[in-house]
Each structure stands twice: as structure tokens, then as C-alpha cells.
PDB file of N, CA and C in Angstrom:
ATOM      1  N   MET A   1    -100.639-105.960  52.335  1.00  0.00           N
ATOM      2  CA  MET A   1     -98.856-107.100  53.379  1.00  0.00           C
ATOM      3  C   MET A   1     -98.730-105.745  53.801  1.00  0.00           C
ATOM      4  N   SER A   2     -98.498-105.833  55.125  1.00  0.00           N
ATOM      5  CA  SER A   2     -97.723-105.207  56.049  1.00  0.00           C
ATOM      6  C   SER A   2     -96.338-104.494  55.601  1.00  0.00           C
ATOM      7  N   ASP A   3     -95.579-104.030  56.493  1.00  0.00           N
ATOM      8  CA  ASP A   3     -94.712-103.141  56.198  1.00  0.00           C
ATOM      9  C   ASP A   3     -93.584-103.475  57.970  1.00  0.00           C
ATOM     10  N   TYR A   4     -92.903-103.687  58.092  1.00  0.00           N
ATOM     11  CA  TYR A   4     -92.612-103.779  59.335  1.00  0.00           C
ATOM     12  C   TYR A   4     -91.775-101.944  59.460  1.00  0.00           C
ATOM     13  N   ARG A   5     -91.547-101.924  60.890  1.00  0.00           N
ATOM     14  CA  ARG A   5     -90.742-100.725  61.150  1.00  0.00           C
ATOM     15  C   ARG A   5     -89.466-100.921  62.566  1.00  0.00           C
ATOM     16  N   CYS A   6     -89.128 -99.867  62.765  1.00  0.00           N
ATOM     17  CA  CYS A   6     -87.530-100.138  63.384  1.00  0.00           C
ATOM     18  C   CYS A   6     -87.611 -99.285  64.864  1.00  0.00           C
ATOM     19  N   ILE A   7     -87.809 -99.999  65.558  1.00  0.00           N
ATOM     20  CA  ILE A   7     -88.320 -98.893  66.874  1.00  0.00           C
ATOM     21  C   ILE A   7     -87.158 -99.291  67.770  1.00  0.00           C
ATOM     22  N   ASN A   8     -86.526 -98.466  68.850  1.00  0.00           N
ATOM     23  CA  ASN A   8     -85.575 -97.800  69.771  1.00  0.00           C
ATOM     24  C   ASN A   8     -86.104 -98.724  71.067  1.00  0.00           C
ATOM     25  N   ILE A   9     -85.531 -99.528  71.932  1.00  0.00           N
ATOM     26  CA  ILE A   9     -85.415-100.037  73.312  1.00  0.00           C
ATOM     27  C   ILE A   9     -86.572 -99.663  74.089  1.00  0.00           C
ATOM     28  N   ASP A  10     -86.849 -97.779  74.101  1.00  0.00           N
ATOM     29  CA  ASP A  10     -87.830 -97.648  75.167  1.00  0.00           C
ATOM     30  C   ASP A  10     -89.085 -98.208  74.399  1.00  0.00           C
ATOM     31  N   GLN A  11     -89.125 -97.781  72.775  1.00  0.00           N
ATOM     32  CA  GLN A  11     -90.577 -97.958  72.136  1.00  0.00           C
ATOM     33  C   GLN A  11     -90.652 -99.773  72.502  1.00  0.00           C
ATOM     34  N   ALA A  12     -89.399-100.742  72.489  1.00  0.00           N
ATOM     35  CA  ALA A  12     -90.162-102.227  72.797  1.00  0.00           C
ATOM     36  C   ALA A  12     -90.322-102.771  73.979  1.00  0.00           C
ATOM     37  N   CYS A  13     -89.918-101.911  74.711  1.00  0.00           N
ATOM     38  CA  CYS A  13     -90.218-102.332  76.371  1.00  0.00           C
ATOM     39  C   CYS A  13     -91.887-101.831  76.411  1.00  0.00           C
ATOM     40  N   GLU A  14     -92.425-100.587  75.918  1.00  0.00           N
ATOM     41  CA  GLU A  14     -93.417-100.371  76.567  1.00  0.00           C
ATOM     42  C   GLU A  14     -94.628-101.302  75.756  1.00  0.00           C
ATOM     43  N   LEU A  15     -94.314-102.339  74.069  1.00  0.00           N
ATOM     44  CA  LEU A  15     -94.698-102.224  73.608  1.00  0.00           C
ATOM     45  C   LEU A  15     -94.912-104.300  74.310  1.00  0.00           C
ATOM     46  N   ILE A  16     -93.243-103.999  74.860  1.00  0.00           N
ATOM     47  CA  ILE A  16     -93.474-106.015  75.095  1.00  0.00           C
ATOM     48  C   ILE A  16     -94.392-105.919  76.735  1.00  0.00           C
ATOM     49  N   ASP A  17     -94.732-104.656  77.740  1.00  0.00           N
ATOM     50  CA  ASP A  17     -95.516-104.524  78.552  1.00  0.00           C
ATOM     51  C   ASP A  17     -96.583-104.325  78.235  1.00  0.00           C
ATOM     52  N   GLN A  18     -96.934-104.163  76.964  1.00  0.00           N
ATOM     53  CA  GLN A  18     -98.467-104.121  76.553  1.00  0.00           C
ATOM     54  C   GLN A  18     -98.859-105.429  76.031  1.00  0.00           C
ATOM     55  N   GLY A  19     -97.710-106.407  75.916  1.00  0.00           N
ATOM     56  CA  GLY A  19     -97.794-107.229  75.216  1.00  0.00           C
ATOM     57  C   GLY A  19     -97.702-108.083  74.084  1.00  0.00           C
ATOM     58  N   ALA A  20     -96.606-107.311  73.678  1.00  0.00           N
ATOM     59  CA  ALA A  20     -96.032-107.490  72.727  1.00  0.00           C
ATOM     60  C   ALA A  20     -95.391-109.051  72.791  1.00  0.00           C
ATOM     61  N   GLN A  21     -94.969-110.184  71.281  1.00  0.00           N
ATOM     62  CA  GLN A  21     -94.153-111.221  71.697  1.00  0.00           C
ATOM     63  C   GLN A  21     -92.412-110.794  70.985  1.00  0.00           C
ATOM     64  N   VAL A  22     -91.811-110.922  71.488  1.00  0.00           N
ATOM     65  CA  VAL A  22     -90.529-110.933  71.122  1.00  0.00           C
ATOM     66  C   VAL A  22     -89.924-112.270  70.348  1.00  0.00           C
ATOM     67  N   VAL A  23     -89.131-112.626  69.028  1.00  0.00           N
ATOM     68  CA  VAL A  23     -88.776-113.370  68.451  1.00  0.00           C
ATOM     69  C   VAL A  23     -87.101-112.812  68.487  1.00  0.00           C
ATOM     70  N   ASP A  24     -86.289-114.014  68.725  1.00  0.00           N
ATOM     71  CA  ASP A  24     -85.053-113.830  68.857  1.00  0.00           C
ATOM     72  C   ASP A  24     -84.389-114.376  67.829  1.00  0.00           C
ATOM     73  N   ILE A  25     -84.032-113.822  66.653  1.00  0.00           N
ATOM     74  CA  ILE A  25     -83.123-114.564  65.441  1.00  0.00           C
ATOM     75  C   ILE A  25     -81.709-114.767  65.822  1.00  0.00           C
ATOM     76  N   ARG A  26     -81.041-114.778  66.900  1.00  0.00           N
ATOM     77  CA  ARG A  26     -79.701-115.630  67.243  1.00  0.00           C
ATOM     78  C   ARG A  26     -79.087-116.955  67.390  1.00  0.00           C
ATOM     79  N   ASP A  27     -78.394-117.108  67.133  1.00  0.00           N
ATOM     80  CA  ASP A  27     -78.044-118.676  67.812  1.00  0.00           C
ATOM     81  C   ASP A  27     -78.746-119.018  68.959  1.00  0.00           C
ATOM     82  N   GLU A  28     -78.949-120.422  68.387  1.00  0.00           N
ATOM     83  CA  GLU A  28     -79.712-121.156  69.920  1.00  0.00           C
ATOM     84  C   GLU A  28     -77.834-121.113  71.121  1.00  0.00           C
ATOM     85  N   GLY A  29     -76.888-120.828  70.456  1.00  0.00           N
ATOM     86  CA  GLY A  29     -76.819-120.785  71.705  1.00  0.00           C
ATOM     87  C   GLY A  29     -76.084-119.244  72.527  1.00  0.00           C
ATOM     88  N   SER A  30     -76.209-118.386  71.940  1.00  0.00           N
ATOM     89  CA  SER A  30     -76.451-116.834  72.362  1.00  0.00           C
ATOM     90  C   SER A  30     -77.714-116.828  73.019  1.00  0.00           C
ATOM     91  N   TYR A  31     -78.750-117.074  72.231  1.00  0.00           N
ATOM     92  CA  TYR A  31     -80.039-117.532  73.023  1.00  0.00           C
ATOM     93  C   TYR A  31     -80.016-118.049  74.297  1.00  0.00           C
ATOM     94  N   GLN A  32     -79.469-118.949  74.242  1.00  0.00           N
ATOM     95  CA  GLN A  32     -79.336-119.825  75.707  1.00  0.00           C
ATOM     96  C   GLN A  32     -79.018-119.085  76.527  1.00  0.00           C
ATOM     97  N   ALA A  33     -77.645-118.403  76.469  1.00  0.00           N
ATOM     98  CA  ALA A  33     -76.739-117.847  77.411  1.00  0.00           C
ATOM     99  C   ALA A  33     -77.539-116.739  77.836  1.00  0.00           C
ATOM    100  N   LEU A  34     -77.843-115.817  77.113  1.00  0.00           N
ATOM    101  CA  LEU A  34     -78.763-114.763  77.892  1.00  0.00           C
ATOM    102  C   LEU A  34     -80.113-114.533  76.645  1.00  0.00           C
ATOM    103  N   HIS A  35     -80.885-113.646  77.036  1.00  0.00           N
ATOM    104  CA  HIS A  35     -82.159-112.938  75.862  1.00  0.00           C
ATOM    105  C   HIS A  35     -83.077-111.983  76.600  1.00  0.00           C
ATOM    106  N   ILE A  36     -83.767-111.981  75.765  1.00  0.00           N
ATOM    107  CA  ILE A  36     -84.905-111.279  76.062  1.00  0.00           C
ATOM    108  C   ILE A  36     -85.957-111.583  77.470  1.00  0.00           C
ATOM    109  N   ARG A  37     -86.020-111.291  78.205  1.00  0.00           N
ATOM    110  CA  ARG A  37     -87.483-112.541  79.071  1.00  0.00           C
ATOM    111  C   ARG A  37     -88.770-112.345  78.349  1.00  0.00           C
ATOM    112  N   ASP A  38     -88.675-114.248  78.146  1.00  0.00           N
ATOM    113  CA  ASP A  38     -90.217-114.687  77.288  1.00  0.00           C
ATOM    114  C   ASP A  38     -89.823-114.470  75.971  1.00  0.00           C
ATOM    115  N   ALA A  39     -88.747-114.793  75.538  1.00  0.00           N
ATOM    116  CA  ALA A  39     -88.403-113.806  73.722  1.00  0.00           C
ATOM    117  C   ALA A  39     -88.432-115.470  73.597  1.00  0.00           C
ATOM    118  N   TYR A  40     -88.720-115.784  71.918  1.00  0.00           N
ATOM    119  CA  TYR A  40     -89.003-117.072  71.640  1.00  0.00           C
ATOM    120  C   TYR A  40     -87.865-116.974  70.460  1.00  0.00           C
ATOM    121  N   ASN A  41     -86.763-118.011  70.579  1.00  0.00           N
ATOM    122  CA  ASN A  41     -85.873-118.160  70.069  1.00  0.00           C
ATOM    123  C   ASN A  41     -86.486-118.589  68.152  1.00  0.00           C
ATOM    124  N   LEU A  42     -86.664-118.132  67.780  1.00  0.00           N
ATOM    125  CA  LEU A  42     -87.217-118.457  65.917  1.00  0.00           C
ATOM    126  C   LEU A  42     -85.482-118.337  65.135  1.00  0.00           C
ATOM    127  N   ASN A  43     -85.318-120.159  64.608  1.00  0.00           N
ATOM    128  CA  ASN A  43     -84.536-120.116  63.441  1.00  0.00           C
ATOM    129  C   ASN A  43     -85.407-120.939  62.100  1.00  0.00           C
ATOM    130  N   ASN A  44     -84.537-121.175  61.609  1.00  0.00           N
ATOM    131  CA  ASN A  44     -85.328-122.133  59.757  1.00  0.00           C
ATOM    132  C   ASN A  44     -85.855-123.247  60.533  1.00  0.00           C
ATOM    133  N   HIS A  45     -85.225-123.603  61.263  1.00  0.00           N
ATOM    134  CA  HIS A  45     -86.320-125.172  61.723  1.00  0.00           C
ATOM    135  C   HIS A  45     -87.736-124.968  62.232  1.00  0.00           C
ATOM    136  N   ASN A  46     -87.872-123.698  63.289  1.00  0.00           N
ATOM    137  CA  ASN A  46     -88.886-123.874  63.760  1.00  0.00           C
ATOM    138  C   ASN A  46     -89.899-122.237  63.283  1.00  0.00           C
ATOM    139  N   LEU A  47     -89.044-122.386  62.037  1.00  0.00           N
ATOM    140  CA  LEU A  47     -90.032-120.886  61.669  1.00  0.00           C
ATOM    141  C   LEU A  47     -91.333-121.897  60.720  1.00  0.00           C
ATOM    142  N   PRO A  48     -91.910-122.296  60.801  1.00  0.00           N
ATOM    143  CA  PRO A  48     -93.179-122.885  59.648  1.00  0.00           C
ATOM    144  C   PRO A  48     -94.152-123.404  61.122  1.00  0.00           C
ATOM    145  N   ASP A  49     -93.545-123.760  61.956  1.00  0.00           N
ATOM    146  CA  ASP A  49     -94.157-124.327  63.128  1.00  0.00           C
ATOM    147  C   ASP A  49     -94.725-122.533  64.030  1.00  0.00           C
ATOM    148  N   TYR A  50     -93.998-121.930  63.798  1.00  0.00           N
ATOM    149  CA  TYR A  50     -94.413-120.872  64.528  1.00  0.00           C
ATOM    150  C   TYR A  50     -95.234-120.018  64.088  1.00  0.00           C
ATOM    151  N   VAL A  51     -95.500-120.207  62.484  1.00  0.00           N
ATOM    152  CA  VAL A  51     -96.219-119.504  62.036  1.00  0.00           C
ATOM    153  C   VAL A  51     -97.727-120.232  61.900  1.00  0.00           C
ATOM    154  N   ALA A  52     -97.363-121.286  61.995  1.00  0.00           N
ATOM    155  CA  ALA A  52     -98.505-121.896  61.851  1.00  0.00           C
ATOM    156  C   ALA A  52    -100.199-121.665  63.300  1.00  0.00           C
ATOM    157  N   ALA A  53     -99.059-121.502  63.956  1.00  0.00           N
ATOM    158  CA  ALA A  53     -99.494-121.255  65.412  1.00  0.00           C
ATOM    159  C   ALA A  53     -99.295-120.017  65.799  1.00  0.00           C
ATOM    160  N   ALA A  54     -99.054-118.814  64.905  1.00  0.00           N
ATOM    161  CA  ALA A  54     -99.127-117.659  65.916  1.00  0.00           C
ATOM    162  C   ALA A  54     -99.989-116.177  65.472  1.00  0.00           C
ATOM    163  N   ASP A  55    -100.505-115.564  66.131  1.00  0.00           N
ATOM    164  CA  ASP A  55    -101.310-114.355  66.807  1.00  0.00           C
ATOM    165  C   ASP A  55    -100.836-113.481  65.651  1.00  0.00           C
ATOM    166  N   PHE A  56    -101.235-113.672  64.593  1.00  0.00           N
ATOM    167  CA  PHE A  56    -101.334-112.404  63.333  1.00  0.00           C
ATOM    168  C   PHE A  56    -101.491-111.106  63.604  1.00  0.00           C
ATOM    169  N   ASP A  57    -102.109-110.825  64.806  1.00  0.00           N
ATOM    170  CA  ASP A  57    -102.752-109.472  65.124  1.00  0.00           C
ATOM    171  C   ASP A  57    -101.955-108.730  66.357  1.00  0.00           C
ATOM    172  N   ALA A  58    -101.006-109.681  67.383  1.00  0.00           N
ATOM    173  CA  ALA A  58    -100.388-109.466  68.101  1.00  0.00           C
ATOM    174  C   ALA A  58     -99.111-108.612  67.555  1.00  0.00           C
ATOM    175  N   PRO A  59     -98.253-107.480  68.113  1.00  0.00           N
ATOM    176  CA  PRO A  59     -97.617-107.269  68.047  1.00  0.00           C
ATOM    177  C   PRO A  59     -96.393-107.849  67.761  1.00  0.00           C
ATOM    178  N   LEU A  60     -95.356-107.847  67.268  1.00  0.00           N
ATOM    179  CA  LEU A  60     -94.137-108.259  67.028  1.00  0.00           C
ATOM    180  C   LEU A  60     -92.867-107.983  66.967  1.00  0.00           C
ATOM    181  N   ILE A  61     -91.756-108.385  67.898  1.00  0.00           N
ATOM    182  CA  ILE A  61     -90.697-107.537  67.719  1.00  0.00           C
ATOM    183  C   ILE A  61     -89.446-108.321  67.579  1.00  0.00           C
ATOM    184  N   VAL A  62     -88.942-108.472  66.734  1.00  0.00           N
ATOM    185  CA  VAL A  62     -88.004-109.344  65.808  1.00  0.00           C
ATOM    186  C   VAL A  62     -86.666-108.490  67.053  1.00  0.00           C
ATOM    187  N   CYS A  63     -85.932-109.507  67.256  1.00  0.00           N
ATOM    188  CA  CYS A  63     -83.993-108.756  67.887  1.00  0.00           C
ATOM    189  C   CYS A  63     -82.987-110.156  67.015  1.00  0.00           C
ATOM    190  N   CYS A  64     -82.189-109.022  66.176  1.00  0.00           N
ATOM    191  CA  CYS A  64     -80.795-110.115  66.486  1.00  0.00           C
ATOM    192  C   CYS A  64     -79.959-109.337  67.235  1.00  0.00           C
ATOM    193  N   TYR A  65     -78.689-110.041  67.025  1.00  0.00           N
ATOM    194  CA  TYR A  65     -77.279-109.283  67.523  1.00  0.00           C
ATOM    195  C   TYR A  65     -77.467-107.491  67.802  1.00  0.00           C
ATOM    196  N   HIS A  66     -77.314-107.006  66.341  1.00  0.00           N
ATOM    197  CA  HIS A  66     -76.556-105.933  66.890  1.00  0.00           C
ATOM    198  C   HIS A  66     -78.571-105.148  66.004  1.00  0.00           C
ATOM    199  N   GLY A  67     -79.272-105.464  65.291  1.00  0.00           N
ATOM    200  CA  GLY A  67     -80.786-104.730  64.896  1.00  0.00           C
ATOM    201  C   GLY A  67     -80.263-104.593  63.172  1.00  0.00           C
ATOM    202  N   ILE A  68     -79.148-105.654  62.368  1.00  0.00           N
ATOM    203  CA  ILE A  68     -78.764-105.484  61.116  1.00  0.00           C
ATOM    204  C   ILE A  68     -80.189-107.028  60.253  1.00  0.00           C
ATOM    205  N   SER A  69     -79.774-108.379  61.017  1.00  0.00           N
ATOM    206  CA  SER A  69     -80.568-109.282  60.207  1.00  0.00           C
ATOM    207  C   SER A  69     -82.299-109.287  61.189  1.00  0.00           C
ATOM    208  N   SER A  70     -82.600-108.845  61.873  1.00  0.00           N
ATOM    209  CA  SER A  70     -83.513-108.524  62.389  1.00  0.00           C
ATOM    210  C   SER A  70     -84.379-108.025  60.780  1.00  0.00           C
ATOM    211  N   GLN A  71     -83.825-107.100  60.574  1.00  0.00           N
ATOM    212  CA  GLN A  71     -84.683-106.309  59.311  1.00  0.00           C
ATOM    213  C   GLN A  71     -85.210-106.594  57.891  1.00  0.00           C
ATOM    214  N   SER A  72     -84.748-107.619  57.965  1.00  0.00           N
ATOM    215  CA  SER A  72     -84.670-108.847  57.232  1.00  0.00           C
ATOM    216  C   SER A  72     -85.891-109.763  57.538  1.00  0.00           C
ATOM    217  N   ALA A  73     -85.089-110.308  58.745  1.00  0.00           N
ATOM    218  CA  ALA A  73     -86.871-111.269  59.316  1.00  0.00           C
ATOM    219  C   ALA A  73     -88.081-110.630  59.330  1.00  0.00           C
ATOM    220  N   ALA A  74     -87.801-108.819  60.137  1.00  0.00           N
ATOM    221  CA  ALA A  74     -88.863-108.796  60.314  1.00  0.00           C
ATOM    222  C   ALA A  74     -89.749-108.432  58.556  1.00  0.00           C
ATOM    223  N   ASP A  75     -89.415-108.045  57.824  1.00  0.00           N
ATOM    224  CA  ASP A  75     -90.041-107.950  56.435  1.00  0.00           C
ATOM    225  C   ASP A  75     -90.334-109.297  55.981  1.00  0.00           C
ATOM    226  N   TYR A  76     -89.732-110.174  56.304  1.00  0.00           N
ATOM    227  CA  TYR A  76     -90.213-111.444  56.257  1.00  0.00           C
ATOM    228  C   TYR A  76     -91.720-111.975  56.642  1.00  0.00           C
ATOM    229  N   LEU A  77     -91.645-111.883  58.057  1.00  0.00           N
ATOM    230  CA  LEU A  77     -92.655-112.132  58.888  1.00  0.00           C
ATOM    231  C   LEU A  77     -93.793-111.047  58.675  1.00  0.00           C
ATOM    232  N   ALA A  78     -93.750-109.719  58.453  1.00  0.00           N
ATOM    233  CA  ALA A  78     -94.621-108.585  57.589  1.00  0.00           C
ATOM    234  C   ALA A  78     -95.426-109.455  56.089  1.00  0.00           C
ATOM    235  N   HIS A  79     -94.686-109.615  55.655  1.00  0.00           N
ATOM    236  CA  HIS A  79     -94.853-110.612  54.184  1.00  0.00           C
ATOM    237  C   HIS A  79     -95.753-111.912  54.497  1.00  0.00           C
ATOM    238  N   GLN A  80     -95.278-112.067  55.737  1.00  0.00           N
ATOM    239  CA  GLN A  80     -96.184-113.586  56.003  1.00  0.00           C
ATOM    240  C   GLN A  80     -97.775-113.307  56.503  1.00  0.00           C
ATOM    241  N   GLY A  81     -98.134-112.542  56.965  1.00  0.00           N
ATOM    242  CA  GLY A  81     -99.399-111.941  57.199  1.00  0.00           C
ATOM    243  C   GLY A  81     -99.150-110.981  58.776  1.00  0.00           C
ATOM    244  N   PHE A  82     -98.057-110.906  59.587  1.00  0.00           N
ATOM    245  CA  PHE A  82     -98.114-110.500  60.895  1.00  0.00           C
ATOM    246  C   PHE A  82     -98.282-109.095  60.608  1.00  0.00           C
ATOM    247  N   GLU A  83     -99.364-108.493  61.203  1.00  0.00           N
ATOM    248  CA  GLU A  83    -100.388-107.143  60.866  1.00  0.00           C
ATOM    249  C   GLU A  83     -99.364-105.579  61.791  1.00  0.00           C
ATOM    250  N   GLU A  84     -98.359-106.306  62.606  1.00  0.00           N
ATOM    251  CA  GLU A  84     -97.487-105.240  63.307  1.00  0.00           C
ATOM    252  C   GLU A  84     -96.079-105.570  63.919  1.00  0.00           C
ATOM    253  N   VAL A  85     -95.021-105.372  62.944  1.00  0.00           N
ATOM    254  CA  VAL A  85     -93.556-106.566  63.187  1.00  0.00           C
ATOM    255  C   VAL A  85     -92.520-105.421  63.626  1.00  0.00           C
ATOM    256  N   TYR A  86     -92.010-105.182  64.027  1.00  0.00           N
ATOM    257  CA  TYR A  86     -91.296-104.012  64.470  1.00  0.00           C
ATOM    258  C   TYR A  86     -89.457-104.884  64.677  1.00  0.00           C
ATOM    259  N   SER A  87     -88.563-103.912  64.162  1.00  0.00           N
ATOM    260  CA  SER A  87     -87.498-104.819  64.321  1.00  0.00           C
ATOM    261  C   SER A  87     -86.289-103.866  65.569  1.00  0.00           C
ATOM    262  N   LEU A  88     -86.254-104.588  66.358  1.00  0.00           N
ATOM    263  CA  LEU A  88     -85.426-103.989  68.126  1.00  0.00           C
ATOM    264  C   LEU A  88     -83.414-102.860  66.879  1.00  0.00           C
ATOM    265  N   ASP A  89     -84.399-101.315  67.185  1.00  0.00           N
ATOM    266  CA  ASP A  89     -83.137-101.007  66.427  1.00  0.00           C
ATOM    267  C   ASP A  89     -81.701-101.501  68.003  1.00  0.00           C
ATOM    268  N   GLY A  90     -80.793-101.444  67.089  1.00  0.00           N
ATOM    269  CA  GLY A  90     -78.990-102.185  68.242  1.00  0.00           C
ATOM    270  C   GLY A  90     -79.277-103.295  68.957  1.00  0.00           C
ATOM    271  N   GLY A  91     -79.918-104.137  68.254  1.00  0.00           N
ATOM    272  CA  GLY A  91     -80.254-105.467  68.519  1.00  0.00           C
ATOM    273  C   GLY A  91     -80.305-105.655  70.254  1.00  0.00           C
ATOM    274  N   PHE A  92     -80.228-107.378  70.145  1.00  0.00           N
ATOM    275  CA  PHE A  92     -79.689-107.951  71.796  1.00  0.00           C
ATOM    276  C   PHE A  92     -78.784-106.861  72.573  1.00  0.00           C
ATOM    277  N   GLU A  93     -77.707-106.206  71.502  1.00  0.00           N
ATOM    278  CA  GLU A  93     -76.132-106.229  71.924  1.00  0.00           C
ATOM    279  C   GLU A  93     -76.885-104.633  72.940  1.00  0.00           C
ATOM    280  N   ALA A  94     -77.623-103.642  72.211  1.00  0.00           N
ATOM    281  CA  ALA A  94     -78.345-102.865  72.878  1.00  0.00           C
ATOM    282  C   ALA A  94     -79.230-102.674  74.652  1.00  0.00           C
ATOM    283  N   TRP A  95     -79.892-103.991  73.987  1.00  0.00           N
ATOM    284  CA  TRP A  95     -81.011-104.217  75.395  1.00  0.00           C
ATOM    285  C   TRP A  95     -80.307-104.981  76.068  1.00  0.00           C
ATOM    286  N   ARG A  96     -79.521-105.397  75.695  1.00  0.00           N
ATOM    287  CA  ARG A  96     -78.774-105.927  77.270  1.00  0.00           C
ATOM    288  C   ARG A  96     -77.795-104.758  78.356  1.00  0.00           C
ATOM    289  N   ALA A  97     -77.370-104.236  76.692  1.00  0.00           N
ATOM    290  CA  ALA A  97     -76.983-102.403  77.934  1.00  0.00           C
ATOM    291  C   ALA A  97     -77.732-102.059  78.825  1.00  0.00           C
ATOM    292  N   GLN A  98     -78.709-101.271  77.834  1.00  0.00           N
ATOM    293  CA  GLN A  98     -79.630-100.497  78.830  1.00  0.00           C
ATOM    294  C   GLN A  98     -80.860-101.372  79.462  1.00  0.00           C
ATOM    295  N   CYS A  99     -81.140-102.961  79.209  1.00  0.00           N
ATOM    296  CA  CYS A  99     -82.023-103.951  80.134  1.00  0.00           C
ATOM    297  C   CYS A  99     -81.981-104.553  80.770  1.00  0.00           C
ATOM    298  N   PRO A 100     -80.849-104.250  81.579  1.00  0.00           N
ATOM    299  CA  PRO A 100     -80.406-105.821  81.757  1.00  0.00           C
ATOM    300  C   PRO A 100     -80.988-106.766  82.643  1.00  0.00           C
ATOM    301  N   ASP A 101     -82.039-105.858  83.567  1.00  0.00           N
ATOM    302  CA  ASP A 101     -82.846-106.888  84.546  1.00  0.00           C
ATOM    303  C   ASP A 101     -83.720-107.257  83.480  1.00  0.00           C
ATOM    304  N   ARG A 102     -84.003-106.936  82.712  1.00  0.00           N
ATOM    305  CA  ARG A 102     -85.064-107.812  81.423  1.00  0.00           C
ATOM    306  C   ARG A 102     -84.584-108.806  80.509  1.00  0.00           C
ATOM    307  N   CYS A 103     -83.461-109.307  81.280  1.00  0.00           N
ATOM    308  CA  CYS A 103     -82.865-110.029  80.105  1.00  0.00           C
ATOM    309  C   CYS A 103     -82.926-111.699  80.955  1.00  0.00           C
ATOM    310  N   GLU A 104     -82.917-113.116  80.702  1.00  0.00           N
ATOM    311  CA  GLU A 104     -82.853-114.847  81.194  1.00  0.00           C
ATOM    312  C   GLU A 104     -82.221-115.033  80.520  1.00  0.00           C
ATOM    313  N   SER A 105     -81.354-116.365  81.240  1.00  0.00           N
ATOM    314  CA  SER A 105     -80.846-117.119  80.660  1.00  0.00           C
ATOM    315  C   SER A 105     -81.545-118.277  80.492  1.00  0.00           C
TER     316      SER A 105
END
């Protein structure tokens, strides 16, 4: 089983530009208000469907509010069989501050 790694915003941008998927584990209201462009809002209700349809070989970046909760989620997803899993240091708050042009609502 693979483990996850923590990455900074610049590393995440590079991975996204190369086709990495981003999952946002914040609550739906926060996600709807603003999120990383093309991120998927992952929660306990849609998790089984997401895992069933996922590409386990594609890089996966997990984002939360500040980069703490995403570590647990990244660890869980890595143990579900995803080969390349990352937790975004600083979470969405850091992303929004550094990359506002790469956000959408």
C-alpha cells in the first residue's frame, strides 16, 4: 500500500497542470462558495461512488481548509489503493491566497 505526501502550493500547481485530480473535503457550502478549479467535492456520502469510479493510477491531491484534515483523508485514500496521493499544505486558505486566479465558484 502506498502512503501520501504533503506538498506545497507550487508543487500542487505543477501536478494539476500535468493532470492530477483534486478532491476538496470541505463542507459543501464552503466548496460551493469557492474552490480550486475543477476540484471534486468529496464527502462521506459520495466517497464510495468516487472510489468505485476513480483512476487509481492518476495523482490525487486532497484539499481541506488549512491542510490538517486532508492528511487523514489522504492517508485513507492511499490505503484504498490510490498510487500517488498528496495532502495540500496550508489547504484551501493558502491556495486562495497564492492562486486566486485558479479558483472558481
